[in-house]
Amino acid sequence: MRALLPIIRLLLTAAPWAMARGAILSVVVLLMGAALLGLSGWFITATGIAGLAGIGIAFDVFRPSAGVRFLALGRTAARYGERVLTHDATLRALAALRVNLLRRQARLGARDLTNLRSEAVLTRIVSDVDALDGVVLRLLLPGLAAIVTHGLVFLALGWLAGWPIAWAILGGYGPLATLIFWRLARRSIRPSDAVEAQDQKLRRGVIDMIRNRQSLILGATLGKREAALMALNSDARKAARELDLADRNAGAALSVLVAAVTGLALLAGGWLVARGFESPAVGAIGVFVALALAETLLQLRRGFSDYGRMVGAARRIGAQAKPRATISDRPQADLMSSPILAIEKPGLTLKPGDAIALTGPSGSGKTSLLMQIAGLADSDGISILGRAPDHWPEAALREIVAMVPQRSALIAGTIRENLSLAVNAGDDAMWRALNAVALDDVIRQRGGLDARLNEAGAGLSGGQARRLTLARAILKSPRLLLLDEPTEGLDADTANRVLAGIREALPETAILAALHRGADHSVFDMRMSIVL
């Protein structure tokens, strides 16, 4: 339950008035249901007794029947309003939860954000947010409405029908229903986690099998992969059956409880009637009210059945990223006098203005080394200005190091907006950066800095998109620039112009570039090869 408390606070504060209106209507619906059944029971019993006594013609049937119609219609209207308001409040609360989650993720370091990019993680986050809609709709509001309704019905029954009946109903439903729901919640946690985990594995497995179906067919391993997926499906079904069994057992226990409490109310009413404290019609009210109050419990069954899934989702959503280690109090002069980059293996040191070409066959680890230097992976044996990348605060590290990966990271928007992601630069600076990567003429032909790109930078060729990300890195003026295949997809003349332009635009920047071709360019002081 502790994991749900921050989520509940966020959901409640997102739309407090909408939540309050929905909660009030939830109570009104339950109270009207109890009053409707109680009045109907009294009316039926009273008219039957009047008929047996031969005074049926003198019995006033109009006011009770009007009350029954009013409660029936009022309950229907209140139920409609309750559904509209509670769902509206829940959607507002989930929107606030998503915004809060995105804001919190935006404050994470680059390494943590990189880990979030996998489709499995994104799918799990979406599934977790969807699971939390039940916190309000199936757990919080029904639970509060049930407590308030039982309290008000207890007071009303004590006043109208006698305290023995009121205590029989409250004493029967209160502790026993709490015990049943507590046991259901406890038993749902483990199978709910298992169902979620197996579903995620199964989903990833199916996607991977469809994506790699050709290689699986050619390698004659499609049957083996299918068998593995069937085993995952079997495990998921087993956990789902365990969860369903707990839910059905709780449902059976609630049915027995309703019957038992109804019987207690009947006994209490009969005791009062036998001693002349109440009339038979009034004594029968407790029986019908006990049946009506079953609605307050049955709607909570689904919420507590999903309790384990909600708790698991809340733990994952509410988990805070581990804080990065901060830089020590080493004197600033010592930091600035250290090499910009030092790598123990393969023994590499870069100072201001150095440029080194990193070569090697595909898979030799060039990209992995750049990721480590950028602080996006474990970086043992690497130091930037005398400190390991993960010992720098995120913002400070990004001021020093800029990395341009193979995949161009562009957004739907104007050229100016894409360049402004790095730094808030003026138009003149942007044009100089575009000129450095031989892209200025292309951008002018497309309409200048206000030319729009589609999602992920669609509208530019692969080489043009790569050069636009290089221009963005130039605008940042980092002390260390990491380039992963910066000339891939460019013809030889354009590649030479781009490398020369980067060096001219950033004369004091240390450059480390992973290359398959162009490593012999004059801008590089040396060439280092990584061997498998």
Protein backbone atom coordinates (compact mmCIF):
# COMPACT_ATOMS: atom_id res chain seq x y z
CA MET A 1 0.00 0.00 0.00
CA ARG A 2 2.90 2.33 0.66
CA ALA A 3 3.81 2.30 -3.03
CA LEU A 4 0.30 3.47 -3.93
CA LEU A 5 0.22 6.46 -1.58
CA PRO A 6 2.26 8.87 -3.80
CA ILE A 7 0.16 7.83 -6.80
CA ILE A 8 -3.09 8.37 -4.86
CA ARG A 9 -1.95 11.83 -3.75
CA LEU A 10 -1.09 12.78 -7.32
CA LEU A 11 -4.37 11.45 -8.70
CA LEU A 12 -6.45 13.21 -6.05
CA THR A 13 -4.72 16.56 -6.44
CA ALA A 14 -4.96 16.46 -10.24
CA ALA A 15 -8.73 17.09 -10.28
CA PRO A 16 -9.91 17.43 -6.66
CA TRP A 17 -13.33 18.95 -7.38
CA ALA A 18 -14.13 16.40 -10.07
CA MET A 19 -13.08 13.65 -7.66
CA ALA A 20 -15.23 15.14 -4.89
CA ARG A 21 -18.30 15.38 -7.12
CA GLY A 22 -17.80 11.82 -8.30
CA ALA A 23 -17.36 10.58 -4.72
CA ILE A 24 -20.52 12.38 -3.56
CA LEU A 25 -22.57 10.89 -6.38
CA SER A 26 -21.09 7.44 -5.63
CA VAL A 27 -22.40 7.75 -2.05
CA VAL A 28 -25.76 9.05 -3.31
CA VAL A 29 -26.11 6.05 -5.63
CA LEU A 30 -25.41 3.57 -2.84
CA LEU A 31 -27.66 5.37 -0.35
CA MET A 32 -30.51 5.54 -2.85
CA GLY A 33 -30.07 1.85 -3.60
CA ALA A 34 -30.25 0.95 0.09
CA ALA A 35 -33.20 3.30 0.64
CA LEU A 36 -35.00 1.95 -2.44
CA LEU A 37 -34.72 -1.67 -1.37
CA GLY A 38 -35.47 -0.85 2.28
CA LEU A 39 -38.58 1.17 1.37
CA SER A 40 -39.70 -1.47 -1.10
CA GLY A 41 -39.31 -4.17 1.53
CA TRP A 42 -41.25 -2.15 4.07
CA PHE A 43 -43.96 -1.36 1.50
CA ILE A 44 -44.40 -4.98 0.41
CA THR A 45 -44.47 -6.26 3.99
CA ALA A 46 -46.81 -3.50 5.20
CA THR A 47 -49.31 -3.97 2.33
CA GLY A 48 -49.28 -7.74 2.87
CA ILE A 49 -49.99 -7.36 6.57
CA ALA A 50 -52.70 -4.76 5.86
CA GLY A 51 -54.33 -7.14 3.39
CA LEU A 52 -54.27 -10.01 5.86
CA ALA A 53 -55.77 -7.73 8.52
CA GLY A 54 -58.56 -6.67 6.15
CA ILE A 55 -57.63 -2.99 6.18
CA GLY A 56 -55.92 -2.85 2.81
CA ILE A 57 -58.42 -0.32 1.47
CA ALA A 58 -57.40 2.15 4.16
CA PHE A 59 -53.65 1.66 3.60
CA ASP A 60 -51.89 4.65 1.95
CA VAL A 61 -50.11 3.20 -1.07
CA PHE A 62 -49.57 6.44 -2.94
CA ARG A 63 -46.82 8.07 -0.91
CA PRO A 64 -44.66 4.91 -0.56
CA SER A 65 -45.06 4.11 -4.25
CA ALA A 66 -44.11 7.70 -5.11
CA GLY A 67 -41.05 7.33 -2.90
CA VAL A 68 -40.10 4.10 -4.67
CA ARG A 69 -40.39 5.76 -8.09
CA PHE A 70 -38.40 8.78 -6.91
CA LEU A 71 -35.58 6.64 -5.53
CA ALA A 72 -35.50 4.44 -8.64
CA LEU A 73 -35.32 7.37 -11.06
CA GLY A 74 -32.98 9.35 -8.81
CA ARG A 75 -30.65 6.39 -8.49
CA THR A 76 -30.53 5.99 -12.28
CA ALA A 77 -29.74 9.68 -12.78
CA ALA A 78 -27.16 9.68 -9.99
CA ARG A 79 -25.51 6.57 -11.44
CA TYR A 80 -25.20 8.24 -14.84
CA GLY A 81 -23.71 11.39 -13.31
CA GLU A 82 -21.37 9.34 -11.12
CA ARG A 83 -20.04 7.42 -14.13
CA VAL A 84 -19.49 10.60 -16.14
CA LEU A 85 -17.79 12.51 -13.31
CA THR A 86 -15.63 9.69 -11.99
CA HIS A 87 -14.39 8.75 -15.45
CA ASP A 88 -13.74 12.40 -16.26
CA ALA A 89 -11.82 12.80 -13.00
CA THR A 90 -9.86 9.61 -13.68
CA LEU A 91 -8.88 10.71 -17.18
CA ARG A 92 -7.75 14.09 -15.83
CA ALA A 93 -5.78 12.35 -13.09
CA LEU A 94 -4.09 9.97 -15.55
CA ALA A 95 -3.20 12.92 -17.78
CA ALA A 96 -1.56 14.58 -14.78
CA LEU A 97 0.23 11.31 -13.99
CA ARG A 98 1.61 11.10 -17.53
CA VAL A 99 2.80 14.71 -17.43
CA ASN A 100 4.42 14.13 -14.04
CA LEU A 101 6.09 10.98 -15.33
CA LEU A 102 7.44 12.72 -18.43
CA ARG A 103 8.74 15.64 -16.37
CA ARG A 104 10.51 13.25 -14.04
CA GLN A 105 11.98 11.29 -16.93
CA ALA A 106 13.17 14.54 -18.54
CA ARG A 107 15.29 15.19 -15.45
CA LEU A 108 17.06 11.85 -15.77
CA GLY A 109 20.59 11.56 -17.02
CA ALA A 110 21.37 10.60 -20.59
CA ARG A 111 22.25 7.03 -19.61
CA ASP A 112 18.90 6.49 -17.91
CA LEU A 113 17.06 8.05 -20.83
CA THR A 114 18.90 5.74 -23.21
CA ASN A 115 17.72 2.75 -21.20
CA LEU A 116 14.14 3.98 -21.54
CA ARG A 117 14.26 3.89 -25.34
CA SER A 118 13.76 0.14 -25.66
CA GLU A 119 10.34 -0.92 -26.88
CA ALA A 120 9.95 -3.29 -23.91
CA VAL A 121 10.41 -0.47 -21.41
CA LEU A 122 8.06 1.86 -23.27
CA THR A 123 5.41 -0.85 -23.52
CA ARG A 124 5.71 -1.55 -19.81
CA ILE A 125 5.36 2.13 -18.91
CA VAL A 126 2.20 2.43 -21.01
CA SER A 127 0.79 -0.74 -19.44
CA ASP A 128 1.62 0.50 -15.93
CA VAL A 129 -0.09 3.86 -16.45
CA ASP A 130 -3.17 2.09 -17.81
CA ALA A 131 -3.20 -0.22 -14.77
CA LEU A 132 -3.31 2.74 -12.41
CA ASP A 133 -6.70 3.94 -13.68
CA GLY A 134 -8.22 1.30 -11.42
CA VAL A 135 -6.78 3.00 -8.34
CA VAL A 136 -9.51 5.64 -8.53
CA LEU A 137 -12.32 3.88 -10.38
CA ARG A 138 -12.19 0.47 -8.72
CA LEU A 139 -10.44 1.00 -5.41
CA LEU A 140 -10.34 4.50 -3.97
CA LEU A 141 -13.77 5.96 -4.79
CA PRO A 142 -15.73 2.70 -4.27
CA GLY A 143 -13.91 2.12 -0.99
CA LEU A 144 -14.61 5.60 0.36
CA ALA A 145 -18.21 5.43 -0.83
CA ALA A 146 -18.69 2.05 0.87
CA ILE A 147 -17.34 3.32 4.20
CA VAL A 148 -19.49 6.46 4.16
CA THR A 149 -22.58 4.54 3.05
CA HIS A 150 -22.25 1.92 5.77
CA GLY A 151 -21.80 4.63 8.39
CA LEU A 152 -24.88 6.60 7.28
CA VAL A 153 -26.99 3.46 6.87
CA PHE A 154 -25.96 2.35 10.36
CA LEU A 155 -27.22 5.61 11.84
CA ALA A 156 -30.44 5.56 9.77
CA LEU A 157 -31.23 1.95 10.67
CA GLY A 158 -30.57 2.57 14.34
CA TRP A 159 -33.05 5.43 14.26
CA LEU A 160 -35.73 3.78 12.09
CA ALA A 161 -35.55 0.05 12.77
CA GLY A 162 -33.59 -0.33 16.00
CA TRP A 163 -29.96 -0.55 17.00
CA PRO A 164 -29.80 -4.38 17.13
CA ILE A 165 -30.51 -4.50 13.39
CA ALA A 166 -28.00 -1.72 12.69
CA TRP A 167 -25.28 -3.43 14.72
CA ALA A 168 -26.00 -6.83 13.14
CA ILE A 169 -25.44 -5.41 9.65
CA LEU A 170 -22.44 -3.22 10.47
CA GLY A 171 -20.81 -5.85 12.68
CA GLY A 172 -21.30 -8.53 10.05
CA TYR A 173 -20.13 -6.60 7.02
CA GLY A 174 -17.37 -4.46 8.54
CA PRO A 175 -14.73 -6.85 9.93
CA LEU A 176 -15.52 -9.87 7.75
CA ALA A 177 -15.54 -7.95 4.46
CA THR A 178 -12.27 -6.29 5.47
CA LEU A 179 -10.75 -9.72 6.12
CA ILE A 180 -11.94 -11.08 2.76
CA PHE A 181 -10.57 -8.11 0.81
CA TRP A 182 -7.28 -8.15 2.73
CA ARG A 183 -6.81 -11.82 1.90
CA LEU A 184 -7.71 -11.22 -1.77
CA ALA A 185 -5.23 -8.34 -2.00
CA ARG A 186 -2.47 -10.42 -0.44
CA ARG A 187 -3.11 -13.38 -2.71
CA SER A 188 -3.28 -11.23 -5.86
CA ILE A 189 0.17 -9.62 -5.55
CA ARG A 190 2.37 -12.54 -6.63
CA PRO A 191 0.22 -13.87 -9.51
CA SER A 192 -0.43 -10.32 -10.75
CA ASP A 193 3.31 -9.67 -11.00
CA ALA A 194 3.78 -13.04 -12.68
CA VAL A 195 1.02 -12.37 -15.21
CA GLU A 196 2.50 -8.96 -16.05
CA ALA A 197 6.04 -10.33 -16.38
CA GLN A 198 5.00 -13.28 -18.54
CA ASP A 199 2.80 -11.10 -20.74
CA GLN A 200 5.70 -8.72 -21.34
CA LYS A 201 8.04 -11.61 -22.21
CA LEU A 202 5.45 -13.16 -24.48
CA ARG A 203 4.81 -9.84 -26.25
CA ARG A 204 8.52 -9.25 -26.81
CA GLY A 205 8.99 -12.81 -27.95
CA VAL A 206 6.20 -12.62 -30.53
CA ILE A 207 7.51 -9.30 -31.87
CA ASP A 208 11.04 -10.69 -32.13
CA MET A 209 9.81 -13.84 -33.88
CA ILE A 210 7.82 -11.86 -36.45
CA ARG A 211 10.72 -9.47 -37.00
CA ASN A 212 13.28 -12.28 -37.43
CA ARG A 213 11.00 -14.83 -39.11
CA GLN A 214 13.14 -15.13 -42.24
CA SER A 215 16.33 -15.94 -40.33
CA LEU A 216 14.42 -18.34 -38.08
CA ILE A 217 13.00 -20.16 -41.11
CA LEU A 218 16.37 -20.33 -42.87
CA GLY A 219 18.05 -21.51 -39.67
CA ALA A 220 15.35 -24.13 -39.04
CA THR A 221 14.74 -22.74 -35.55
CA LEU A 222 11.19 -21.47 -36.02
CA GLY A 223 9.72 -24.52 -34.30
CA LYS A 224 12.05 -24.14 -31.32
CA ARG A 225 11.12 -20.46 -30.96
CA GLU A 226 7.44 -21.32 -31.20
CA ALA A 227 7.83 -23.94 -28.47
CA ALA A 228 9.52 -21.37 -26.21
CA LEU A 229 6.65 -18.93 -26.77
CA MET A 230 4.12 -21.64 -26.02
CA ALA A 231 5.93 -22.33 -22.75
CA LEU A 232 5.75 -18.64 -21.87
CA ASN A 233 2.06 -18.64 -22.72
CA SER A 234 1.54 -21.66 -20.48
CA ASP A 235 3.28 -19.92 -17.56
CA ALA A 236 1.16 -16.81 -18.10
CA ARG A 237 -2.04 -18.85 -18.14
CA LYS A 238 -1.00 -20.66 -14.97
CA ALA A 239 -0.48 -17.37 -13.13
CA ALA A 240 -3.78 -16.06 -14.54
CA ARG A 241 -5.60 -19.18 -13.28
CA GLU A 242 -4.12 -18.64 -9.83
CA LEU A 243 -5.31 -15.03 -9.84
CA ASP A 244 -8.74 -16.08 -11.10
CA LEU A 245 -8.99 -18.70 -8.37
CA ALA A 246 -8.28 -16.11 -5.68
CA ASP A 247 -10.91 -13.81 -7.22
CA ARG A 248 -13.56 -16.55 -7.40
CA ASN A 249 -12.85 -17.66 -3.83
CA ALA A 250 -13.31 -14.08 -2.67
CA GLY A 251 -16.56 -13.86 -4.63
CA ALA A 252 -17.83 -17.04 -2.99
CA ALA A 253 -16.85 -15.73 0.45
CA LEU A 254 -18.68 -12.45 -0.21
CA SER A 255 -21.81 -14.35 -1.28
CA VAL A 256 -21.73 -16.35 1.94
CA LEU A 257 -21.17 -13.16 3.91
CA VAL A 258 -24.16 -11.43 2.32
CA ALA A 259 -26.38 -14.42 3.11
CA ALA A 260 -25.08 -14.56 6.68
CA VAL A 261 -25.56 -10.85 7.35
CA THR A 262 -29.04 -10.97 5.81
CA GLY A 263 -29.86 -13.84 8.16
CA LEU A 264 -28.50 -11.87 11.14
CA ALA A 265 -30.65 -8.89 10.15
CA LEU A 266 -33.68 -11.20 9.92
CA LEU A 267 -32.98 -12.64 13.37
CA ALA A 268 -32.47 -9.18 14.88
CA GLY A 269 -35.68 -7.91 13.27
CA GLY A 270 -37.62 -10.96 14.44
CA TRP A 271 -36.31 -10.49 17.97
CA LEU A 272 -37.49 -6.85 18.01
CA VAL A 273 -40.92 -7.78 16.55
CA ALA A 274 -41.38 -10.69 19.00
CA ARG A 275 -40.82 -8.36 21.95
CA GLY A 276 -43.08 -5.70 20.53
CA PHE A 277 -40.39 -3.10 20.00
CA GLU A 278 -41.07 -2.77 16.27
CA SER A 279 -43.81 -3.65 13.81
CA PRO A 280 -43.24 -6.54 11.36
CA ALA A 281 -42.91 -4.11 8.42
CA VAL A 282 -40.20 -2.10 10.17
CA GLY A 283 -38.45 -5.24 11.34
CA ALA A 284 -38.22 -6.41 7.72
CA ILE A 285 -36.36 -3.28 6.60
CA GLY A 286 -33.03 -4.61 7.85
CA VAL A 287 -33.23 -7.71 5.63
CA PHE A 288 -33.66 -5.69 2.46
CA VAL A 289 -31.07 -3.09 3.44
CA ALA A 290 -28.55 -5.88 4.13
CA LEU A 291 -29.16 -7.18 0.61
CA ALA A 292 -28.81 -3.70 -0.85
CA LEU A 293 -25.51 -3.07 0.94
CA ALA A 294 -24.01 -6.07 -0.86
CA GLU A 295 -23.55 -3.69 -3.81
CA THR A 296 -21.00 -1.70 -1.82
CA LEU A 297 -18.85 -4.82 -1.46
CA LEU A 298 -19.22 -6.46 -4.84
CA GLN A 299 -17.94 -3.41 -6.72
CA LEU A 300 -14.76 -3.51 -4.61
CA ARG A 301 -14.00 -7.09 -5.57
CA ARG A 302 -12.54 -6.15 -8.96
CA GLY A 303 -10.38 -3.44 -7.40
CA PHE A 304 -8.81 -5.71 -4.81
CA SER A 305 -8.39 -8.45 -7.41
CA ASP A 306 -6.26 -6.00 -9.43
CA TYR A 307 -4.49 -4.71 -6.32
CA GLY A 308 -1.29 -6.64 -7.05
CA ARG A 309 -1.13 -5.25 -10.59
CA MET A 310 -1.70 -1.71 -9.28
CA VAL A 311 1.00 -2.03 -6.63
CA GLY A 312 3.49 -3.41 -9.14
CA ALA A 313 2.72 -0.59 -11.56
CA ALA A 314 3.00 2.02 -8.79
CA ARG A 315 6.39 0.67 -7.73
CA ARG A 316 7.74 0.88 -11.26
CA ILE A 317 6.19 4.26 -12.03
CA GLY A 318 7.19 5.74 -8.69
CA ALA A 319 10.73 4.44 -8.70
CA GLN A 320 13.17 7.31 -8.78
CA ALA A 321 16.31 7.12 -10.85
CA LYS A 322 19.48 6.69 -8.89
CA PRO A 323 21.24 10.01 -8.57
CA ARG A 324 24.47 10.36 -10.42
CA ALA A 325 27.59 10.86 -8.39
CA THR A 326 28.65 14.47 -8.20
CA ILE A 327 32.05 15.86 -8.94
CA SER A 328 34.35 16.15 -5.95
CA ASP A 329 35.75 19.35 -4.56
CA ARG A 330 38.91 19.03 -6.60
CA PRO A 331 40.26 22.53 -7.41
CA GLN A 332 39.04 23.92 -10.72
CA ALA A 333 42.59 24.64 -11.85
CA ASP A 334 43.53 20.97 -11.48
CA LEU A 335 40.50 19.94 -13.51
CA MET A 336 41.25 22.36 -16.31
CA SER A 337 44.91 21.33 -16.46
CA SER A 338 44.04 17.66 -16.90
CA PRO A 339 43.71 16.14 -20.39
CA ILE A 340 40.28 16.55 -21.88
CA LEU A 341 40.11 12.81 -22.44
CA ALA A 342 42.26 9.98 -21.12
CA ILE A 343 41.60 6.29 -21.82
CA GLU A 344 43.73 3.66 -20.08
CA LYS A 345 43.09 1.08 -22.79
CA PRO A 346 44.09 1.52 -25.59
CA GLY A 347 46.19 4.29 -24.01
CA LEU A 348 44.67 7.37 -25.59
CA THR A 349 44.94 11.01 -24.50
CA LEU A 350 43.33 14.05 -26.12
CA LYS A 351 44.18 17.68 -25.47
CA PRO A 352 42.52 20.84 -26.82
CA GLY A 353 42.72 20.93 -30.62
CA ASP A 354 43.62 17.23 -31.01
CA ALA A 355 41.73 15.13 -33.55
CA ILE A 356 42.01 11.34 -33.66
CA ALA A 357 40.39 8.92 -36.09
CA LEU A 358 39.21 5.68 -34.49
CA THR A 359 39.13 2.77 -36.94
CA GLY A 360 38.45 -0.93 -36.82
CA PRO A 361 36.14 -3.57 -38.30
CA SER A 362 32.42 -3.57 -37.58
CA GLY A 363 31.72 -4.93 -34.10
CA SER A 364 35.15 -4.06 -32.76
CA GLY A 365 33.71 -1.69 -30.16
CA LYS A 366 34.19 1.79 -31.62
CA THR A 367 30.61 2.90 -30.93
CA SER A 368 30.68 1.28 -27.49
CA LEU A 369 33.81 3.25 -26.61
CA LEU A 370 32.17 6.51 -27.69
CA MET A 371 29.11 5.67 -25.60
CA GLN A 372 31.31 5.06 -22.56
CA ILE A 373 33.12 8.37 -23.04
CA ALA A 374 29.76 10.17 -23.36
CA GLY A 375 28.62 8.69 -20.06
CA LEU A 376 25.95 6.52 -21.66
CA ALA A 377 27.52 3.24 -20.53
CA ASP A 378 29.87 2.00 -17.81
CA SER A 379 33.12 3.88 -18.23
CA ASP A 380 35.91 2.18 -16.28
CA GLY A 381 39.34 3.45 -17.18
CA ILE A 382 38.04 6.63 -18.84
CA SER A 383 38.42 10.15 -17.48
CA ILE A 384 37.30 13.55 -18.71
CA LEU A 385 39.32 16.41 -17.25
CA GLY A 386 40.58 13.97 -14.64
CA ARG A 387 37.21 12.54 -13.61
CA ALA A 388 35.20 9.54 -14.78
CA PRO A 389 32.16 10.52 -16.90
CA ASP A 390 29.69 9.21 -14.31
CA HIS A 391 31.31 11.39 -11.63
CA TRP A 392 30.25 14.54 -13.44
CA PRO A 393 26.85 16.14 -12.91
CA GLU A 394 24.75 15.54 -16.00
CA ALA A 395 24.43 19.20 -17.01
CA ALA A 396 28.16 19.85 -16.55
CA LEU A 397 29.12 16.78 -18.58
CA ARG A 398 26.88 17.84 -21.47
CA GLU A 399 28.52 21.26 -21.51
CA ILE A 400 31.91 19.59 -22.00
CA VAL A 401 31.08 16.59 -24.19
CA ALA A 402 28.88 16.40 -27.29
CA MET A 403 28.26 13.21 -29.24
CA VAL A 404 26.78 12.80 -32.71
CA PRO A 405 25.68 9.15 -33.08
CA GLN A 406 25.07 7.31 -36.32
CA ARG A 407 21.32 7.74 -35.99
CA SER A 408 20.26 11.34 -36.55
CA ALA A 409 18.05 12.66 -33.73
CA LEU A 410 15.68 15.18 -35.32
CA ILE A 411 12.16 16.30 -34.48
CA ALA A 412 9.10 17.42 -36.43
CA GLY A 413 9.51 21.18 -36.70
CA THR A 414 11.54 23.87 -38.40
CA ILE A 415 15.26 23.79 -39.09
CA ARG A 416 15.64 26.53 -36.49
CA GLU A 417 13.82 24.45 -33.85
CA ASN A 418 16.01 21.43 -34.57
CA LEU A 419 19.19 23.50 -34.23
CA SER A 420 17.90 25.20 -31.07
CA LEU A 421 17.75 21.86 -29.27
CA ALA A 422 21.46 22.23 -28.55
CA VAL A 423 21.70 25.89 -27.60
CA ASN A 424 19.71 29.09 -28.00
CA ALA A 425 21.77 30.56 -30.85
CA GLY A 426 21.07 33.39 -33.23
CA ASP A 427 20.39 33.03 -36.93
CA ASP A 428 23.91 34.13 -37.92
CA ALA A 429 25.45 31.41 -35.74
CA MET A 430 23.10 28.83 -37.23
CA TRP A 431 24.02 29.77 -40.78
CA ARG A 432 27.73 29.56 -39.92
CA ALA A 433 27.20 26.08 -38.49
CA LEU A 434 25.25 25.01 -41.58
CA ASN A 435 27.99 26.41 -43.80
CA ALA A 436 30.59 24.43 -41.85
CA VAL A 437 28.82 21.17 -42.76
CA ALA A 438 28.09 22.21 -46.37
CA LEU A 439 24.34 22.33 -45.79
CA ASP A 440 23.62 26.05 -46.07
CA ASP A 441 22.76 26.01 -49.78
CA VAL A 442 20.39 23.08 -49.33
CA ILE A 443 18.56 24.78 -46.47
CA ARG A 444 18.23 28.05 -48.43
CA GLN A 445 16.69 26.15 -51.33
CA ARG A 446 14.15 24.60 -48.95
CA GLY A 447 13.04 27.92 -47.51
CA GLY A 448 15.68 28.78 -44.95
CA LEU A 449 15.62 28.24 -41.19
CA ASP A 450 11.81 28.26 -41.13
CA ALA A 451 11.55 25.28 -43.47
CA ARG A 452 9.63 22.51 -41.76
CA LEU A 453 10.60 18.88 -41.34
CA ASN A 454 8.25 15.99 -40.66
CA GLU A 455 8.50 13.49 -37.83
CA ALA A 456 12.06 12.29 -37.13
CA GLY A 457 13.37 14.84 -39.65
CA ALA A 458 11.59 13.32 -42.64
CA GLY A 459 12.12 15.58 -45.64
CA LEU A 460 15.91 15.40 -45.59
CA SER A 461 18.06 12.65 -47.02
CA GLY A 462 20.10 10.52 -44.69
CA GLY A 463 23.29 12.47 -45.39
CA GLN A 464 21.54 15.82 -44.99
CA ALA A 465 19.98 14.77 -41.69
CA ARG A 466 23.39 13.66 -40.43
CA ARG A 467 24.91 17.02 -41.38
CA LEU A 468 22.10 18.88 -39.62
CA THR A 469 22.90 17.04 -36.38
CA LEU A 470 26.59 17.87 -36.90
CA ALA A 471 25.66 21.56 -37.26
CA ARG A 472 23.74 21.32 -33.99
CA ALA A 473 26.81 19.91 -32.25
CA ILE A 474 28.95 22.72 -33.67
CA LEU A 475 26.56 25.30 -32.19
CA LYS A 476 27.15 23.81 -28.75
CA SER A 477 30.94 24.43 -29.01
CA PRO A 478 31.90 21.48 -26.77
CA ARG A 479 35.39 20.90 -25.47
CA LEU A 480 35.20 17.25 -26.60
CA LEU A 481 33.31 16.20 -29.75
CA LEU A 482 32.56 12.51 -30.35
CA LEU A 483 31.57 11.56 -33.90
CA ASP A 484 30.25 8.15 -34.94
CA GLU A 485 30.59 7.72 -38.72
CA PRO A 486 30.08 11.45 -39.46
CA THR A 487 30.72 11.03 -43.21
CA GLU A 488 28.57 7.94 -43.77
CA GLY A 489 26.32 8.45 -46.80
CA LEU A 490 28.32 11.43 -48.10
CA ASP A 491 30.30 11.59 -51.31
CA ALA A 492 34.03 12.08 -51.00
CA ASP A 493 34.01 15.81 -51.81
CA THR A 494 31.21 16.60 -49.33
CA ALA A 495 32.86 14.42 -46.67
CA ASN A 496 36.12 16.35 -47.03
CA ARG A 497 34.29 19.67 -46.79
CA VAL A 498 32.37 18.55 -43.68
CA LEU A 499 35.47 17.35 -41.80
CA ALA A 500 37.39 20.49 -42.71
CA GLY A 501 34.42 22.66 -41.76
CA ILE A 502 34.07 21.06 -38.34
CA ARG A 503 37.75 21.58 -37.61
CA GLU A 504 37.59 25.21 -38.77
CA ALA A 505 34.44 25.94 -36.74
CA LEU A 506 35.86 24.27 -33.59
CA PRO A 507 39.62 24.88 -33.62
CA GLU A 508 40.12 24.26 -29.89
CA THR A 509 37.78 21.27 -29.58
CA ALA A 510 39.24 17.79 -29.12
CA ILE A 511 37.66 15.47 -31.70
CA LEU A 512 37.40 11.68 -31.56
CA ALA A 513 35.75 10.20 -34.64
CA ALA A 514 34.89 6.56 -35.35
CA LEU A 515 35.28 6.03 -39.08
CA HIS A 516 35.24 3.32 -41.69
CA ARG A 517 36.53 5.65 -44.39
CA GLY A 518 38.12 9.07 -44.36
CA ALA A 519 40.47 8.33 -41.47
CA ASP A 520 43.40 9.64 -43.53
CA HIS A 521 41.91 13.13 -43.74
CA SER A 522 44.30 15.95 -42.93
CA VAL A 523 42.23 17.17 -39.96
CA PHE A 524 43.22 14.07 -37.96
CA ASP A 525 46.49 14.16 -36.08
CA MET A 526 46.66 10.41 -35.74
CA ARG A 527 44.81 7.23 -36.45
CA MET A 528 44.11 4.53 -33.86
CA SER A 529 42.78 1.09 -34.73
CA ILE A 530 40.69 -1.10 -32.44
CA VAL A 531 41.25 -4.80 -33.02
CA LEU A 532 38.66 -7.45 -32.21
